[in-house]
Amino acid sequence: MLDTEYLKKLFAQEIEKEETLGDSAGTGDHMAHYSFVIDRIYDPRPVTKGNRTVLKCACLYTVSRMGEFTIYPDNPPMEWTYLKIVYVDEGKVVESEKKRLVYDTVQHPDLIDPDELES
């Protein structure tokens, strides 16, 4: 079985491929910084893909946008929480699904209940 630290590194690599992170000039040339944190890693589950058994690994992660005017509590950072699923065989990612938006503080405060993702 894959340990949690290995899965964190694996997910971080996959997330960094899909997200635009770091400093960015947004609308009106205001600076912002995008970063992420892995909130939860679900227990890997064996599934059949084609003619082999692989591990389905899932995590929830949150992307935060800190702007020039971000200040608590009046103007907190914008945040988006995503579900990321990868399939792993012999410690390597063999397939990576596109991220799925679970929650955001911008427009949809309750898209999916993360507790329902257990199944």
Protein backbone atom coordinates (compact mmCIF):
# COMPACT_ATOMS: atom_id res chain seq x y z
CA MET A 1 0.00 0.00 0.00
CA LEU A 2 1.14 3.57 -0.64
CA ASP A 3 1.98 5.69 2.39
CA THR A 4 0.48 9.14 2.98
CA GLU A 5 3.71 11.08 2.41
CA TYR A 6 4.25 9.41 -0.96
CA LEU A 7 0.65 10.16 -1.94
CA LYS A 8 1.05 13.82 -0.91
CA LYS A 9 4.06 14.16 -3.23
CA LEU A 10 2.27 12.35 -6.02
CA PHE A 11 -0.82 14.56 -5.72
CA ALA A 12 1.30 17.72 -5.46
CA GLN A 13 2.97 16.86 -8.79
CA GLU A 14 -0.39 16.24 -10.47
CA ILE A 15 -1.95 19.41 -9.02
CA GLU A 16 1.01 21.54 -10.11
CA LYS A 17 0.51 20.26 -13.69
CA GLU A 18 -3.14 21.34 -13.70
CA GLU A 19 -3.13 24.59 -11.68
CA THR A 20 -1.61 27.98 -12.44
CA LEU A 21 0.23 28.75 -9.20
CA GLY A 22 2.42 31.57 -7.96
CA ASP A 23 2.24 35.30 -8.62
CA SER A 24 -0.11 36.68 -11.23
CA ALA A 25 -1.30 40.07 -12.41
CA GLY A 26 -5.06 39.97 -12.58
CA THR A 27 -7.68 42.41 -13.72
CA GLY A 28 -6.68 46.02 -13.30
CA ASP A 29 -3.03 44.93 -12.91
CA HIS A 30 -3.57 44.00 -9.27
CA MET A 31 -1.17 41.35 -8.01
CA ALA A 32 -2.37 38.04 -6.64
CA HIS A 33 -0.71 34.88 -5.41
CA TYR A 34 -2.20 31.43 -6.02
CA SER A 35 -1.25 28.50 -3.80
CA PHE A 36 -2.75 25.19 -2.75
CA VAL A 37 -2.98 22.92 0.26
CA ILE A 38 -4.00 19.27 0.31
CA ASP A 39 -6.91 19.01 2.74
CA ARG A 40 -7.55 15.29 2.77
CA ILE A 41 -6.26 12.10 1.19
CA TYR A 42 -8.73 9.24 0.93
CA ASP A 43 -7.66 5.63 1.40
CA PRO A 44 -6.61 4.12 -1.96
CA ARG A 45 -8.97 1.48 -3.35
CA PRO A 46 -8.17 -1.27 -5.84
CA VAL A 47 -10.14 -1.01 -9.10
CA THR A 48 -9.91 -2.74 -12.46
CA LYS A 49 -8.70 -0.64 -15.40
CA GLY A 50 -8.56 -2.59 -18.63
CA ASN A 51 -6.98 -5.93 -17.80
CA ARG A 52 -5.13 -4.91 -14.64
CA THR A 53 -5.84 -3.90 -11.08
CA VAL A 54 -4.68 -0.42 -10.08
CA LEU A 55 -5.17 1.80 -7.03
CA LYS A 56 -7.74 4.59 -7.26
CA CYS A 57 -6.37 7.45 -5.16
CA ALA A 58 -8.36 10.58 -4.36
CA CYS A 59 -7.70 13.82 -2.51
CA LEU A 60 -9.40 17.09 -1.73
CA TYR A 61 -7.29 20.21 -2.17
CA THR A 62 -7.93 23.92 -1.88
CA VAL A 63 -6.54 26.65 -4.13
CA SER A 64 -6.33 30.08 -2.48
CA ARG A 65 -6.02 33.46 -4.17
CA MET A 66 -4.40 36.08 -1.96
CA GLY A 67 -4.67 39.54 -3.49
CA GLU A 68 -3.19 42.91 -2.67
CA PHE A 69 -6.27 43.77 -0.68
CA THR A 70 -6.80 40.43 1.07
CA ILE A 71 -7.34 41.05 4.76
CA TYR A 72 -9.18 39.08 7.42
CA PRO A 73 -12.05 39.15 8.21
CA ASP A 74 -13.39 41.79 5.82
CA ASN A 75 -11.85 40.59 2.56
CA PRO A 76 -10.67 36.98 2.95
CA PRO A 77 -8.91 35.11 0.15
CA MET A 78 -10.94 33.48 -2.60
CA GLU A 79 -10.84 29.70 -2.30
CA TRP A 80 -11.81 26.78 -4.50
CA THR A 81 -11.83 23.18 -3.27
CA TYR A 82 -11.38 20.38 -5.79
CA LEU A 83 -11.50 16.60 -5.89
CA LYS A 84 -8.54 15.04 -7.71
CA ILE A 85 -8.48 11.34 -8.66
CA VAL A 86 -5.47 9.46 -9.99
CA TYR A 87 -4.93 5.80 -10.77
CA VAL A 88 -1.62 4.35 -9.61
CA ASP A 89 0.15 1.15 -10.64
CA GLU A 90 3.49 0.14 -9.14
CA GLY A 91 3.87 3.58 -7.55
CA LYS A 92 3.36 5.54 -10.79
CA VAL A 93 0.36 7.48 -12.07
CA VAL A 94 -1.15 5.65 -15.05
CA GLU A 95 -4.19 7.92 -15.42
CA SER A 96 -5.23 11.27 -13.99
CA GLU A 97 -8.80 12.56 -14.07
CA LYS A 98 -9.53 16.26 -14.48
CA LYS A 99 -10.16 18.04 -11.20
CA ARG A 100 -13.78 18.44 -10.08
CA LEU A 101 -14.96 21.54 -8.25
CA VAL A 102 -16.39 20.61 -4.86
CA TYR A 103 -16.73 23.99 -3.13
CA ASP A 104 -15.90 27.62 -3.76
CA THR A 105 -16.22 30.78 -1.71
CA VAL A 106 -16.84 32.90 -4.79
CA GLN A 107 -20.12 31.73 -6.34
CA HIS A 108 -21.21 28.29 -5.15
CA PRO A 109 -20.76 27.87 -1.40
CA ASP A 110 -22.27 24.35 -1.32
CA LEU A 111 -21.67 22.41 -4.54
CA ILE A 112 -20.88 18.97 -3.11
CA ASP A 113 -20.78 17.67 0.44
CA PRO A 114 -17.21 16.28 0.81
CA ASP A 115 -18.50 13.62 3.23
CA GLU A 116 -20.51 12.14 0.35
CA LEU A 117 -17.27 11.45 -1.52
CA GLU A 118 -16.55 8.43 0.68
CA SER A 119 -18.44 6.11 -1.67
